Amino acid sequence: MTTDLRDHLRAEFRWTDPGQGYLVSDRSGWWRSPTILAGVGDALADLFRAARPTVVVSPEVTGFLVGPLVARALGAGFVEAYRAGARLPIAEPMIWAEVPSDHRGKKQELGVRRQLITPDDRVLVVDDWAATGAQARALRSLFGNSYVGTAVIVNECPPPLADELTLRGLLTAADIDPDQTFG
């Protein structure tokens, strides 16, 4: 990945204050930027290209934006990981994993259509952000030895956890520290 893309990611990212005593990430500038959209798929793919993934799995919602870009860059397929209780009815058999606690402290379940993942697949999980690694861990539990790792735009996980999950990012939390001024 070029420094140029990292600079674009940092410049188009914002912290917002909803007036409730904490900051919320605003990543909408990433999706508006043609430069970022043109480069982020290849940049994330490059983090795991040597592992030769055959399928990219991404959790909803933002993963559905990033995952297909990475799958295209790798020449791999794409499979959605839905949250239990999603409003979309899914008739096909699903495999589910419990996410013990996400970045908001809420428990959830993620599921993929059973027939879309084969024993021969090499699964790369892709998302925009990893704060606790909970979703990556849950999805890894579904794929066993087929799991090759997780690629994210922002890796906020402690290094031992990122190593355990084979989780790699384009940026770290320090790169978008709200006390820093970028751009």
C-alpha atoms as a PDB file:
ATOM      1  CA  MET A   1       0.000   0.000   0.000  1.00  0.00           C
ATOM      2  CA  THR A   2       1.241   3.430  -0.785  1.00  0.00           C
ATOM      3  CA  THR A   3       1.575   6.179   1.764  1.00  0.00           C
ATOM      4  CA  ASP A   4      -0.691   8.159  -0.536  1.00  0.00           C
ATOM      5  CA  LEU A   5      -3.674   5.860   0.177  1.00  0.00           C
ATOM      6  CA  ARG A   6      -2.974   5.984   3.910  1.00  0.00           C
ATOM      7  CA  ASP A   7      -2.943   9.782   3.676  1.00  0.00           C
ATOM      8  CA  HIS A   8      -6.253   9.756   1.797  1.00  0.00           C
ATOM      9  CA  LEU A   9      -7.832   7.433   4.375  1.00  0.00           C
ATOM     10  CA  ARG A  10      -6.685   9.690   7.203  1.00  0.00           C
ATOM     11  CA  ALA A  11      -7.796  12.883   5.422  1.00  0.00           C
ATOM     12  CA  GLU A  12     -11.307  11.565   4.676  1.00  0.00           C
ATOM     13  CA  PHE A  13     -11.898  10.203   8.188  1.00  0.00           C
ATOM     14  CA  ARG A  14     -13.660  12.258  10.862  1.00  0.00           C
ATOM     15  CA  TRP A  15     -14.474  11.919  14.523  1.00  0.00           C
ATOM     16  CA  THR A  16     -17.885  13.408  15.351  1.00  0.00           C
ATOM     17  CA  ASP A  17     -19.371  14.361  18.687  1.00  0.00           C
ATOM     18  CA  PRO A  18     -23.035  13.352  18.970  1.00  0.00           C
ATOM     19  CA  GLY A  19     -23.228  15.380  22.192  1.00  0.00           C
ATOM     20  CA  GLN A  20     -23.345  12.357  24.484  1.00  0.00           C
ATOM     21  CA  GLY A  21     -19.841  12.541  25.923  1.00  0.00           C
ATOM     22  CA  TYR A  22     -18.033  10.349  23.410  1.00  0.00           C
ATOM     23  CA  LEU A  23     -16.748  10.516  19.844  1.00  0.00           C
ATOM     24  CA  VAL A  24     -18.144   8.453  16.976  1.00  0.00           C
ATOM     25  CA  SER A  25     -16.188   7.504  13.860  1.00  0.00           C
ATOM     26  CA  ASP A  26     -17.432   8.920  10.574  1.00  0.00           C
ATOM     27  CA  ARG A  27     -16.065   6.841   7.712  1.00  0.00           C
ATOM     28  CA  SER A  28     -18.498   8.149   5.095  1.00  0.00           C
ATOM     29  CA  GLY A  29     -15.734  10.193   3.443  1.00  0.00           C
ATOM     30  CA  TRP A  30     -14.014   6.931   2.531  1.00  0.00           C
ATOM     31  CA  TRP A  31     -16.976   5.760   0.463  1.00  0.00           C
ATOM     32  CA  ARG A  32     -17.343   9.171  -1.210  1.00  0.00           C
ATOM     33  CA  SER A  33     -13.725   9.276  -2.348  1.00  0.00           C
ATOM     34  CA  PRO A  34     -13.074   7.747  -5.800  1.00  0.00           C
ATOM     35  CA  THR A  35      -9.363   7.565  -4.929  1.00  0.00           C
ATOM     36  CA  ILE A  36     -10.014   5.456  -1.844  1.00  0.00           C
ATOM     37  CA  LEU A  37     -12.554   3.228  -3.602  1.00  0.00           C
ATOM     38  CA  ALA A  38     -10.061   2.653  -6.424  1.00  0.00           C
ATOM     39  CA  GLY A  39      -7.236   1.653  -4.074  1.00  0.00           C
ATOM     40  CA  VAL A  40      -8.595   0.102  -0.900  1.00  0.00           C
ATOM     41  CA  GLY A  41      -9.540  -3.264  -2.423  1.00  0.00           C
ATOM     42  CA  ASP A  42      -6.040  -3.858  -3.788  1.00  0.00           C
ATOM     43  CA  ALA A  43      -4.397  -2.547  -0.613  1.00  0.00           C
ATOM     44  CA  LEU A  44      -6.382  -4.899   1.640  1.00  0.00           C
ATOM     45  CA  ALA A  45      -5.896  -7.785  -0.801  1.00  0.00           C
ATOM     46  CA  ASP A  46      -2.132  -7.212  -0.731  1.00  0.00           C
ATOM     47  CA  LEU A  47      -2.108  -7.897   3.016  1.00  0.00           C
ATOM     48  CA  PHE A  48      -3.058 -11.541   2.296  1.00  0.00           C
ATOM     49  CA  ARG A  49      -2.366 -12.099  -1.413  1.00  0.00           C
ATOM     50  CA  ALA A  50       0.368 -14.662  -0.611  1.00  0.00           C
ATOM     51  CA  ALA A  51      -2.186 -16.749   1.355  1.00  0.00           C
ATOM     52  CA  ARG A  52      -4.190 -17.228  -1.889  1.00  0.00           C
ATOM     53  CA  PRO A  53      -7.717 -16.751  -0.496  1.00  0.00           C
ATOM     54  CA  THR A  54     -10.482 -18.241  -2.631  1.00  0.00           C
ATOM     55  CA  VAL A  55     -13.361 -16.464  -0.893  1.00  0.00           C
ATOM     56  CA  VAL A  56     -13.830 -13.247   1.070  1.00  0.00           C
ATOM     57  CA  VAL A  57     -16.375 -13.226   3.901  1.00  0.00           C
ATOM     58  CA  SER A  58     -17.514  -9.901   5.347  1.00  0.00           C
ATOM     59  CA  PRO A  59     -19.948  -9.027   8.129  1.00  0.00           C
ATOM     60  CA  GLU A  60     -22.763  -6.616   7.473  1.00  0.00           C
ATOM     61  CA  VAL A  61     -23.071  -3.680   7.116  1.00  0.00           C
ATOM     62  CA  THR A  62     -19.848  -1.932   6.149  1.00  0.00           C
ATOM     63  CA  GLY A  63     -18.129  -5.198   5.306  1.00  0.00           C
ATOM     64  CA  PHE A  64     -20.589  -5.522   2.423  1.00  0.00           C
ATOM     65  CA  LEU A  65     -18.970  -2.408   0.916  1.00  0.00           C
ATOM     66  CA  VAL A  66     -15.337  -3.390   1.423  1.00  0.00           C
ATOM     67  CA  GLY A  67     -15.473  -7.160   0.937  1.00  0.00           C
ATOM     68  CA  PRO A  68     -16.431  -7.164  -2.759  1.00  0.00           C
ATOM     69  CA  LEU A  69     -13.615  -4.706  -3.546  1.00  0.00           C
ATOM     70  CA  VAL A  70     -11.100  -7.098  -1.980  1.00  0.00           C
ATOM     71  CA  ALA A  71     -12.661 -10.164  -3.612  1.00  0.00           C
ATOM     72  CA  ARG A  72     -12.379  -8.510  -7.026  1.00  0.00           C
ATOM     73  CA  ALA A  73      -8.742  -7.607  -6.370  1.00  0.00           C
ATOM     74  CA  LEU A  74      -7.967 -11.210  -5.403  1.00  0.00           C
ATOM     75  CA  GLY A  75     -10.009 -12.861  -8.151  1.00  0.00           C
ATOM     76  CA  ALA A  76     -11.947 -14.567  -5.340  1.00  0.00           C
ATOM     77  CA  GLY A  77     -15.621 -15.000  -4.524  1.00  0.00           C
ATOM     78  CA  PHE A  78     -17.578 -13.027  -1.938  1.00  0.00           C
ATOM     79  CA  VAL A  79     -19.940 -14.298   0.790  1.00  0.00           C
ATOM     80  CA  GLU A  80     -21.991 -12.155   3.149  1.00  0.00           C
ATOM     81  CA  ALA A  81     -21.997 -12.780   6.913  1.00  0.00           C
ATOM     82  CA  TYR A  82     -25.415 -11.698   8.178  1.00  0.00           C
ATOM     83  CA  ARG A  83     -26.361 -10.675  11.684  1.00  0.00           C
ATOM     84  CA  ALA A  84     -29.033 -12.825  13.300  1.00  0.00           C
ATOM     85  CA  GLY A  85     -32.338 -11.031  13.267  1.00  0.00           C
ATOM     86  CA  ALA A  86     -31.582  -9.218  10.034  1.00  0.00           C
ATOM     87  CA  ARG A  87     -34.765  -8.063   8.372  1.00  0.00           C
ATOM     88  CA  LEU A  88     -33.872  -9.946   5.201  1.00  0.00           C
ATOM     89  CA  PRO A  89     -35.356 -13.467   5.290  1.00  0.00           C
ATOM     90  CA  ILE A  90     -32.753 -16.073   4.424  1.00  0.00           C
ATOM     91  CA  ALA A  91     -34.228 -19.383   3.306  1.00  0.00           C
ATOM     92  CA  GLU A  92     -30.985 -21.297   2.777  1.00  0.00           C
ATOM     93  CA  PRO A  93     -29.344 -23.286   5.587  1.00  0.00           C
ATOM     94  CA  MET A  94     -26.959 -21.103   7.571  1.00  0.00           C
ATOM     95  CA  ILE A  95     -24.018 -21.741   9.862  1.00  0.00           C
ATOM     96  CA  TRP A  96     -23.876 -19.378  12.847  1.00  0.00           C
ATOM     97  CA  ALA A  97     -21.239 -18.161  15.279  1.00  0.00           C
ATOM     98  CA  GLU A  98     -21.816 -16.184  18.444  1.00  0.00           C
ATOM     99  CA  VAL A  99     -19.983 -12.881  18.763  1.00  0.00           C
ATOM    100  CA  PRO A 100     -19.471 -12.681  22.545  1.00  0.00           C
ATOM    101  CA  SER A 101     -19.247  -8.900  22.735  1.00  0.00           C
ATOM    102  CA  ASP A 102     -18.739  -6.375  19.970  1.00  0.00           C
ATOM    103  CA  HIS A 103     -17.257  -2.880  20.252  1.00  0.00           C
ATOM    104  CA  ARG A 104     -20.531  -1.656  21.824  1.00  0.00           C
ATOM    105  CA  GLY A 105     -20.572  -4.492  24.362  1.00  0.00           C
ATOM    106  CA  LYS A 106     -23.530  -6.194  22.642  1.00  0.00           C
ATOM    107  CA  LYS A 107     -23.759  -9.901  21.886  1.00  0.00           C
ATOM    108  CA  GLN A 108     -24.747 -10.936  18.388  1.00  0.00           C
ATOM    109  CA  GLU A 109     -24.590 -13.837  15.978  1.00  0.00           C
ATOM    110  CA  LEU A 110     -23.099 -13.879  12.494  1.00  0.00           C
ATOM    111  CA  GLY A 111     -24.090 -16.433   9.896  1.00  0.00           C
ATOM    112  CA  VAL A 112     -23.171 -17.431   6.371  1.00  0.00           C
ATOM    113  CA  ARG A 113     -25.004 -19.588   3.858  1.00  0.00           C
ATOM    114  CA  ARG A 114     -23.684 -23.108   4.460  1.00  0.00           C
ATOM    115  CA  GLN A 115     -23.433 -24.124   0.787  1.00  0.00           C
ATOM    116  CA  LEU A 116     -21.277 -21.128  -0.181  1.00  0.00           C
ATOM    117  CA  ILE A 117     -18.210 -22.238   1.813  1.00  0.00           C
ATOM    118  CA  THR A 118     -16.536 -25.486   0.775  1.00  0.00           C
ATOM    119  CA  PRO A 119     -13.870 -27.532   2.580  1.00  0.00           C
ATOM    120  CA  ASP A 120     -11.380 -26.528  -0.134  1.00  0.00           C
ATOM    121  CA  ASP A 121     -11.899 -22.787   0.366  1.00  0.00           C
ATOM    122  CA  ARG A 122      -9.291 -20.465   1.818  1.00  0.00           C
ATOM    123  CA  VAL A 123     -11.355 -17.851   3.683  1.00  0.00           C
ATOM    124  CA  LEU A 124     -10.272 -14.252   4.199  1.00  0.00           C
ATOM    125  CA  VAL A 125     -12.464 -12.170   6.506  1.00  0.00           C
ATOM    126  CA  VAL A 126     -12.632  -8.492   5.502  1.00  0.00           C
ATOM    127  CA  ASP A 127     -14.152  -5.520   7.331  1.00  0.00           C
ATOM    128  CA  ASP A 128     -13.548  -1.823   7.715  1.00  0.00           C
ATOM    129  CA  TRP A 129     -12.616  -1.795  11.418  1.00  0.00           C
ATOM    130  CA  ALA A 130     -11.550  -4.218  14.151  1.00  0.00           C
ATOM    131  CA  ALA A 131     -11.883  -2.802  17.661  1.00  0.00           C
ATOM    132  CA  THR A 132     -12.133  -5.957  19.788  1.00  0.00           C
ATOM    133  CA  GLY A 133     -11.568  -8.721  17.230  1.00  0.00           C
ATOM    134  CA  ALA A 134     -14.852 -10.334  18.331  1.00  0.00           C
ATOM    135  CA  GLN A 135     -16.348 -10.615  14.847  1.00  0.00           C
ATOM    136  CA  ALA A 136     -13.092 -11.947  13.376  1.00  0.00           C
ATOM    137  CA  ARG A 137     -12.877 -14.524  16.168  1.00  0.00           C
ATOM    138  CA  ALA A 138     -16.484 -15.627  15.650  1.00  0.00           C
ATOM    139  CA  LEU A 139     -16.074 -15.993  11.890  1.00  0.00           C
ATOM    140  CA  ARG A 140     -12.756 -17.820  12.316  1.00  0.00           C
ATOM    141  CA  SER A 141     -14.608 -20.368  14.477  1.00  0.00           C
ATOM    142  CA  LEU A 142     -16.889 -21.151  11.525  1.00  0.00           C
ATOM    143  CA  PHE A 143     -14.096 -21.854   9.065  1.00  0.00           C
ATOM    144  CA  GLY A 144     -11.457 -23.707  11.097  1.00  0.00           C
ATOM    145  CA  ASN A 145      -8.340 -24.469   9.036  1.00  0.00           C
ATOM    146  CA  SER A 146      -9.898 -22.763   5.993  1.00  0.00           C
ATOM    147  CA  TYR A 147      -9.467 -19.370   7.711  1.00  0.00           C
ATOM    148  CA  VAL A 148      -6.373 -17.511   6.466  1.00  0.00           C
ATOM    149  CA  GLY A 149      -6.823 -14.227   8.332  1.00  0.00           C
ATOM    150  CA  THR A 150      -8.684 -10.934   8.625  1.00  0.00           C
ATOM    151  CA  ALA A 151      -7.952  -7.745   6.687  1.00  0.00           C
ATOM    152  CA  VAL A 152      -9.332  -4.411   7.914  1.00  0.00           C
ATOM    153  CA  ILE A 153      -8.863  -0.763   7.137  1.00  0.00           C
ATOM    154  CA  VAL A 154      -8.366   0.158  10.816  1.00  0.00           C
ATOM    155  CA  ASN A 155      -6.851  -2.328  13.269  1.00  0.00           C
ATOM    156  CA  GLU A 156      -7.490  -1.156  16.816  1.00  0.00           C
ATOM    157  CA  CYS A 157      -6.770  -4.551  18.432  1.00  0.00           C
ATOM    158  CA  PRO A 158      -3.817  -5.081  20.784  1.00  0.00           C
ATOM    159  CA  PRO A 159      -0.873  -6.720  18.949  1.00  0.00           C
ATOM    160  CA  PRO A 160      -1.163 -10.112  20.738  1.00  0.00           C
ATOM    161  CA  LEU A 161      -4.827 -10.363  19.714  1.00  0.00           C
ATOM    162  CA  ALA A 162      -4.092  -9.258  16.147  1.00  0.00           C
ATOM    163  CA  ASP A 163      -1.363 -11.913  15.967  1.00  0.00           C
ATOM    164  CA  GLU A 164      -3.698 -14.592  17.358  1.00  0.00           C
ATOM    165  CA  LEU A 165      -6.330 -13.744  14.728  1.00  0.00           C
ATOM    166  CA  THR A 166      -3.836 -13.128  11.899  1.00  0.00           C
ATOM    167  CA  LEU A 167      -5.472  -9.713  11.671  1.00  0.00           C
ATOM    168  CA  ARG A 168      -3.790  -7.035   9.555  1.00  0.00           C
ATOM    169  CA  GLY A 169      -4.828  -3.455   8.872  1.00  0.00           C
ATOM    170  CA  LEU A 170      -3.950  -0.527   6.682  1.00  0.00           C
ATOM    171  CA  LEU A 171      -4.161   1.889   9.632  1.00  0.00           C
ATOM    172  CA  THR A 172      -3.926   1.575  13.401  1.00  0.00           C
ATOM    173  CA  ALA A 173      -5.874   3.437  16.051  1.00  0.00           C
ATOM    174  CA  ALA A 174      -2.866   5.731  16.518  1.00  0.00           C
ATOM    175  CA  ASP A 175      -3.143   6.759  12.855  1.00  0.00           C
ATOM    176  CA  ILE A 176      -6.588   8.265  13.502  1.00  0.00           C
ATOM    177  CA  ASP A 177      -6.184   9.391  17.094  1.00  0.00           C
ATOM    178  CA  PRO A 178      -8.870  12.051  17.773  1.00  0.00           C
ATOM    179  CA  ASP A 179      -6.241  14.158  19.571  1.00  0.00           C
ATOM    180  CA  GLN A 180      -4.240  14.417  16.335  1.00  0.00           C
ATOM    181  CA  THR A 181      -4.977  16.714  13.434  1.00  0.00           C
ATOM    182  CA  PHE A 182      -4.658  15.195   9.962  1.00  0.00           C
ATOM    183  CA  GLY A 183      -5.137  16.396   6.426  1.00  0.00           C
END
